[in-house]
């Protein structure tokens, strides 16, 4: 079980026994996780306060 704090989703994974099925399972799971808002949020991650970066540059 994996709890993703960013999306507040509990993910329960059961892996099959052979390696090919595990690879397929991971690919399918990745596709499901990358659907909808999840992928948009990870692609657009920004600092919580953009002003912090500017302040750091000014103190140099």
PDB file of N, CA and C in Angstrom:
ATOM      1  N   UNK A   1       0.837  -1.195   0.000  1.00  0.00           N
ATOM      2  CA  UNK A   1       0.000   0.000   0.000  1.00  0.00           C
ATOM      3  C   UNK A   1       0.872   1.245   0.000  1.00  0.00           C
ATOM      4  N   UNK A   2       0.454   2.233  -0.763  1.00  0.00           N
ATOM      5  CA  UNK A   2       1.175   3.496  -0.844  1.00  0.00           C
ATOM      6  C   UNK A   2       0.181   4.621  -0.641  1.00  0.00           C
ATOM      7  N   UNK A   3       0.522   5.561   0.245  1.00  0.00           N
ATOM      8  CA  UNK A   3      -0.340   6.723   0.442  1.00  0.00           C
ATOM      9  C   UNK A   3       0.340   7.926  -0.179  1.00  0.00           C
ATOM     10  N   UNK A   4      -0.309   8.518  -1.183  1.00  0.00           N
ATOM     11  CA  UNK A   4       0.253   9.670  -1.885  1.00  0.00           C
ATOM     12  C   UNK A   4      -0.281  10.931  -1.224  1.00  0.00           C
ATOM     13  N   UNK A   5       0.576  11.641  -0.482  1.00  0.00           N
ATOM     14  CA  UNK A   5       0.138  12.821   0.267  1.00  0.00           C
ATOM     15  C   UNK A   5      -0.290  13.950  -0.654  1.00  0.00           C
ATOM     16  N   UNK A   6       0.347  14.078  -1.825  1.00  0.00           N
ATOM     17  CA  UNK A   6       0.018  15.175  -2.738  1.00  0.00           C
ATOM     18  C   UNK A   6      -1.416  15.073  -3.239  1.00  0.00           C
ATOM     19  N   UNK A   7      -1.849  13.860  -3.546  1.00  0.00           N
ATOM     20  CA  UNK A   7      -3.184  13.696  -4.113  1.00  0.00           C
ATOM     21  C   UNK A   7      -4.172  13.118  -3.101  1.00  0.00           C
ATOM     22  N   UNK A   8      -3.697  12.819  -1.883  1.00  0.00           N
ATOM     23  CA  UNK A   8      -4.537  12.231  -0.835  1.00  0.00           C
ATOM     24  C   UNK A   8      -5.252  10.983  -1.331  1.00  0.00           C
ATOM     25  N   UNK A   9      -4.498  10.100  -1.979  1.00  0.00           N
ATOM     26  CA  UNK A   9      -5.070   8.872  -2.530  1.00  0.00           C
ATOM     27  C   UNK A   9      -4.335   7.679  -1.934  1.00  0.00           C
ATOM     28  N   UNK A  10      -5.090   6.693  -1.503  1.00  0.00           N
ATOM     29  CA  UNK A  10      -4.500   5.449  -1.028  1.00  0.00           C
ATOM     30  C   UNK A  10      -4.438   4.478  -2.193  1.00  0.00           C
ATOM     31  N   UNK A  11      -3.216   4.050  -2.536  1.00  0.00           N
ATOM     32  CA  UNK A  11      -3.023   3.168  -3.684  1.00  0.00           C
ATOM     33  C   UNK A  11      -2.672   1.779  -3.157  1.00  0.00           C
ATOM     34  N   UNK A  12      -3.464   0.803  -3.517  1.00  0.00           N
ATOM     35  CA  UNK A  12      -3.197  -0.575  -3.113  1.00  0.00           C
ATOM     36  C   UNK A  12      -2.727  -1.335  -4.341  1.00  0.00           C
ATOM     37  N   UNK A  13      -1.496  -1.858  -4.270  1.00  0.00           N
ATOM     38  CA  UNK A  13      -0.917  -2.543  -5.418  1.00  0.00           C
ATOM     39  C   UNK A  13      -0.724  -4.021  -5.092  1.00  0.00           C
ATOM     40  N   UNK A  14      -1.117  -4.868  -6.039  1.00  0.00           N
ATOM     41  CA  UNK A  14      -0.824  -6.292  -5.939  1.00  0.00           C
ATOM     42  C   UNK A  14      -0.076  -6.685  -7.200  1.00  0.00           C
ATOM     43  N   UNK A  15       1.153  -7.112  -7.031  1.00  0.00           N
ATOM     44  CA  UNK A  15       1.986  -7.432  -8.187  1.00  0.00           C
ATOM     45  C   UNK A  15       1.835  -8.899  -8.566  1.00  0.00           C
ATOM     46  N   UNK A  16       1.741  -9.178  -9.864  1.00  0.00           N
ATOM     47  CA  UNK A  16       1.730 -10.567 -10.329  1.00  0.00           C
ATOM     48  C   UNK A  16       3.101 -11.235 -10.143  1.00  0.00           C
ATOM     49  N   UNK A  17       3.158 -12.535 -10.382  1.00  0.00           N
ATOM     50  CA  UNK A  17       4.372 -13.291 -10.085  1.00  0.00           C
ATOM     51  C   UNK A  17       5.474 -13.178 -11.126  1.00  0.00           C
ATOM     52  N   UNK A  18       5.126 -13.028 -12.407  1.00  0.00           N
ATOM     53  CA  UNK A  18       6.197 -13.036 -13.404  1.00  0.00           C
ATOM     54  C   UNK A  18       6.594 -11.623 -13.822  1.00  0.00           C
ATOM     55  N   UNK A  19       7.824 -11.480 -14.307  1.00  0.00           N
ATOM     56  CA  UNK A  19       8.410 -10.163 -14.569  1.00  0.00           C
ATOM     57  C   UNK A  19       7.671  -9.399 -15.663  1.00  0.00           C
ATOM     58  N   UNK A  20       7.248 -10.087 -16.716  1.00  0.00           N
ATOM     59  CA  UNK A  20       6.545  -9.400 -17.805  1.00  0.00           C
ATOM     60  C   UNK A  20       5.247  -8.775 -17.299  1.00  0.00           C
ATOM     61  N   UNK A  21       4.527  -9.512 -16.490  1.00  0.00           N
ATOM     62  CA  UNK A  21       3.273  -8.991 -15.953  1.00  0.00           C
ATOM     63  C   UNK A  21       3.526  -7.822 -15.011  1.00  0.00           C
ATOM     64  N   UNK A  22       4.620  -7.885 -14.249  1.00  0.00           N
ATOM     65  CA  UNK A  22       4.965  -6.778 -13.354  1.00  0.00           C
ATOM     66  C   UNK A  22       5.227  -5.519 -14.171  1.00  0.00           C
ATOM     67  N   UNK A  23       5.974  -5.653 -15.253  1.00  0.00           N
ATOM     68  CA  UNK A  23       6.261  -4.501 -16.114  1.00  0.00           C
ATOM     69  C   UNK A  23       4.973  -3.929 -16.690  1.00  0.00           C
ATOM     70  N   UNK A  24       4.110  -4.809 -17.185  1.00  0.00           N
ATOM     71  CA  UNK A  24       2.826  -4.353 -17.731  1.00  0.00           C
ATOM     72  C   UNK A  24       1.990  -3.676 -16.658  1.00  0.00           C
ATOM     73  N   UNK A  25       1.989  -4.254 -15.463  1.00  0.00           N
ATOM     74  CA  UNK A  25       1.216  -3.694 -14.356  1.00  0.00           C
ATOM     75  C   UNK A  25       1.704  -2.287 -14.010  1.00  0.00           C
ATOM     76  N   UNK A  26       3.026  -2.121 -13.939  1.00  0.00           N
ATOM     77  CA  UNK A  26       3.601  -0.809 -13.620  1.00  0.00           C
ATOM     78  C   UNK A  26       3.236   0.201 -14.698  1.00  0.00           C
ATOM     79  N   UNK A  27       3.321  -0.200 -15.963  1.00  0.00           N
ATOM     80  CA  UNK A  27       2.981   0.713 -17.050  1.00  0.00           C
ATOM     81  C   UNK A  27       1.512   1.122 -16.979  1.00  0.00           C
ATOM     82  N   UNK A  28       0.633   0.160 -16.715  1.00  0.00           N
ATOM     83  CA  UNK A  28      -0.791   0.478 -16.603  1.00  0.00           C
ATOM     84  C   UNK A  28      -1.044   1.399 -15.416  1.00  0.00           C
ATOM     85  N   UNK A  29      -0.380   1.117 -14.290  1.00  0.00           N
ATOM     86  CA  UNK A  29      -0.545   1.942 -13.098  1.00  0.00           C
ATOM     87  C   UNK A  29      -0.046   3.355 -13.362  1.00  0.00           C
ATOM     88  N   UNK A  30       1.104   3.476 -14.029  1.00  0.00           N
ATOM     89  CA  UNK A  30       1.640   4.797 -14.361  1.00  0.00           C
ATOM     90  C   UNK A  30       0.668   5.565 -15.241  1.00  0.00           C
ATOM     91  N   UNK A  31       0.063   4.889 -16.213  1.00  0.00           N
ATOM     92  CA  UNK A  31      -0.906   5.556 -17.086  1.00  0.00           C
ATOM     93  C   UNK A  31      -2.096   6.066 -16.281  1.00  0.00           C
ATOM     94  N   UNK A  32      -2.571   5.239 -15.344  1.00  0.00           N
ATOM     95  CA  UNK A  32      -3.705   5.659 -14.515  1.00  0.00           C
ATOM     96  C   UNK A  32      -3.327   6.861 -13.658  1.00  0.00           C
ATOM     97  N   UNK A  33      -2.125   6.842 -13.089  1.00  0.00           N
ATOM     98  CA  UNK A  33      -1.693   7.934 -12.221  1.00  0.00           C
ATOM     99  C   UNK A  33      -1.474   9.218 -13.004  1.00  0.00           C
ATOM    100  N   UNK A  34      -1.099   9.095 -14.268  1.00  0.00           N
ATOM    101  CA  UNK A  34      -0.803  10.278 -15.073  1.00  0.00           C
ATOM    102  C   UNK A  34      -2.030  10.871 -15.750  1.00  0.00           C
ATOM    103  N   UNK A  35      -3.184  10.285 -15.530  1.00  0.00           N
ATOM    104  CA  UNK A  35      -4.413  10.817 -16.130  1.00  0.00           C
ATOM    105  C   UNK A  35      -4.950  11.983 -15.308  1.00  0.00           C
ATOM    106  N   UNK A  36      -5.645  12.892 -15.970  1.00  0.00           N
ATOM    107  CA  UNK A  36      -6.363  13.956 -15.277  1.00  0.00           C
ATOM    108  C   UNK A  36      -5.457  14.974 -14.612  1.00  0.00           C
ATOM    109  N   UNK A  37      -5.891  15.456 -13.461  1.00  0.00           N
ATOM    110  CA  UNK A  37      -5.200  16.544 -12.784  1.00  0.00           C
ATOM    111  C   UNK A  37      -3.838  16.139 -12.244  1.00  0.00           C
ATOM    112  N   UNK A  38      -3.634  14.851 -11.994  1.00  0.00           N
ATOM    113  CA  UNK A  38      -2.363  14.425 -11.401  1.00  0.00           C
ATOM    114  C   UNK A  38      -1.179  14.844 -12.262  1.00  0.00           C
ATOM    115  N   UNK A  39      -1.247  14.562 -13.574  1.00  0.00           N
ATOM    116  CA  UNK A  39      -0.122  14.904 -14.445  1.00  0.00           C
ATOM    117  C   UNK A  39       0.018  16.415 -14.586  1.00  0.00           C
ATOM    118  N   UNK A  40      -1.097  17.133 -14.614  1.00  0.00           N
ATOM    119  CA  UNK A  40      -1.030  18.590 -14.727  1.00  0.00           C
ATOM    120  C   UNK A  40      -0.333  19.186 -13.513  1.00  0.00           C
ATOM    121  N   UNK A  41      -0.641  18.660 -12.329  1.00  0.00           N
ATOM    122  CA  UNK A  41      -0.036  19.192 -11.116  1.00  0.00           C
ATOM    123  C   UNK A  41       1.465  18.936 -11.075  1.00  0.00           C
ATOM    124  N   UNK A  42       1.903  17.752 -11.486  1.00  0.00           N
ATOM    125  CA  UNK A  42       3.324  17.449 -11.423  1.00  0.00           C
ATOM    126  C   UNK A  42       4.095  18.218 -12.485  1.00  0.00           C
ATOM    127  N   UNK A  43       3.464  18.483 -13.627  1.00  0.00           N
ATOM    128  CA  UNK A  43       4.143  19.229 -14.686  1.00  0.00           C
ATOM    129  C   UNK A  43       4.288  20.702 -14.338  1.00  0.00           C
ATOM    130  N   UNK A  44       3.396  21.214 -13.500  1.00  0.00           N
ATOM    131  CA  UNK A  44       3.379  22.642 -13.224  1.00  0.00           C
ATOM    132  C   UNK A  44       3.803  22.967 -11.797  1.00  0.00           C
ATOM    133  N   UNK A  45       4.665  22.135 -11.215  1.00  0.00           N
ATOM    134  CA  UNK A  45       5.101  22.409  -9.855  1.00  0.00           C
ATOM    135  C   UNK A  45       5.904  23.704  -9.812  1.00  0.00           C
ATOM    136  N   UNK A  46       5.576  24.536  -8.841  1.00  0.00           N
ATOM    137  CA  UNK A  46       6.269  25.804  -8.677  1.00  0.00           C
ATOM    138  C   UNK A  46       6.661  25.949  -7.214  1.00  0.00           C
ATOM    139  N   UNK A  47       7.630  26.809  -6.918  1.00  0.00           N
ATOM    140  CA  UNK A  47       7.954  27.075  -5.512  1.00  0.00           C
ATOM    141  C   UNK A  47       6.728  27.642  -4.798  1.00  0.00           C
ATOM    142  N   UNK A  48       6.611  27.356  -3.507  1.00  0.00           N
ATOM    143  CA  UNK A  48       5.440  27.834  -2.783  1.00  0.00           C
ATOM    144  C   UNK A  48       5.422  29.355  -2.716  1.00  0.00           C
ATOM    145  N   UNK A  49       6.593  29.967  -2.678  1.00  0.00           N
ATOM    146  CA  UNK A  49       6.661  31.425  -2.651  1.00  0.00           C
ATOM    147  C   UNK A  49       7.714  31.886  -3.651  1.00  0.00           C
ATOM    148  N   UNK A  50       7.322  32.295  -4.843  1.00  0.00           N
ATOM    149  CA  UNK A  50       8.291  32.713  -5.866  1.00  0.00           C
ATOM    150  C   UNK A  50       9.160  33.881  -5.410  1.00  0.00           C
ATOM    151  N   UNK A  51       8.675  34.697  -4.479  1.00  0.00           N
ATOM    152  CA  UNK A  51       9.455  35.836  -3.990  1.00  0.00           C
ATOM    153  C   UNK A  51      10.725  35.385  -3.275  1.00  0.00           C
ATOM    154  N   UNK A  52      10.719  34.188  -2.682  1.00  0.00           N
ATOM    155  CA  UNK A  52      11.911  33.693  -1.993  1.00  0.00           C
ATOM    156  C   UNK A  52      13.102  33.636  -2.932  1.00  0.00           C
ATOM    157  N   UNK A  53      12.890  33.170  -4.147  1.00  0.00           N
ATOM    158  CA  UNK A  53      13.975  33.067  -5.122  1.00  0.00           C
ATOM    159  C   UNK A  53      14.541  34.452  -5.433  1.00  0.00           C
ATOM    160  N   UNK A  54      13.674  35.425  -5.605  1.00  0.00           N
ATOM    161  CA  UNK A  54      14.114  36.785  -5.910  1.00  0.00           C
ATOM    162  C   UNK A  54      14.919  37.347  -4.749  1.00  0.00           C
ATOM    163  N   UNK A  55      14.473  37.104  -3.522  1.00  0.00           N
ATOM    164  CA  UNK A  55      15.192  37.599  -2.351  1.00  0.00           C
ATOM    165  C   UNK A  55      16.584  36.992  -2.278  1.00  0.00           C
ATOM    166  N   UNK A  56      16.690  35.680  -2.562  1.00  0.00           N
ATOM    167  CA  UNK A  56      17.994  35.024  -2.534  1.00  0.00           C
ATOM    168  C   UNK A  56      18.937  35.635  -3.561  1.00  0.00           C
ATOM    169  N   UNK A  57      18.415  35.915  -4.743  1.00  0.00           N
ATOM    170  CA  UNK A  57      19.256  36.500  -5.786  1.00  0.00           C
ATOM    171  C   UNK A  57      19.730  37.894  -5.384  1.00  0.00           C
ATOM    172  N   UNK A  58      18.895  38.650  -4.706  1.00  0.00           N
ATOM    173  CA  UNK A  58      19.259  40.003  -4.308  1.00  0.00           C
ATOM    174  C   UNK A  58      20.288  40.023  -3.188  1.00  0.00           C
ATOM    175  N   UNK A  59      20.298  39.003  -2.318  1.00  0.00           N
ATOM    176  CA  UNK A  59      21.254  38.990  -1.216  1.00  0.00           C
ATOM    177  C   UNK A  59      22.648  38.613  -1.683  1.00  0.00           C
ATOM    178  N   UNK A  60      22.752  37.970  -2.840  1.00  0.00           N
ATOM    179  CA  UNK A  60      24.079  37.631  -3.373  1.00  0.00           C
ATOM    180  C   UNK A  60      24.748  38.910  -3.754  1.00  0.00           C
TER     181      UNK A  60
END
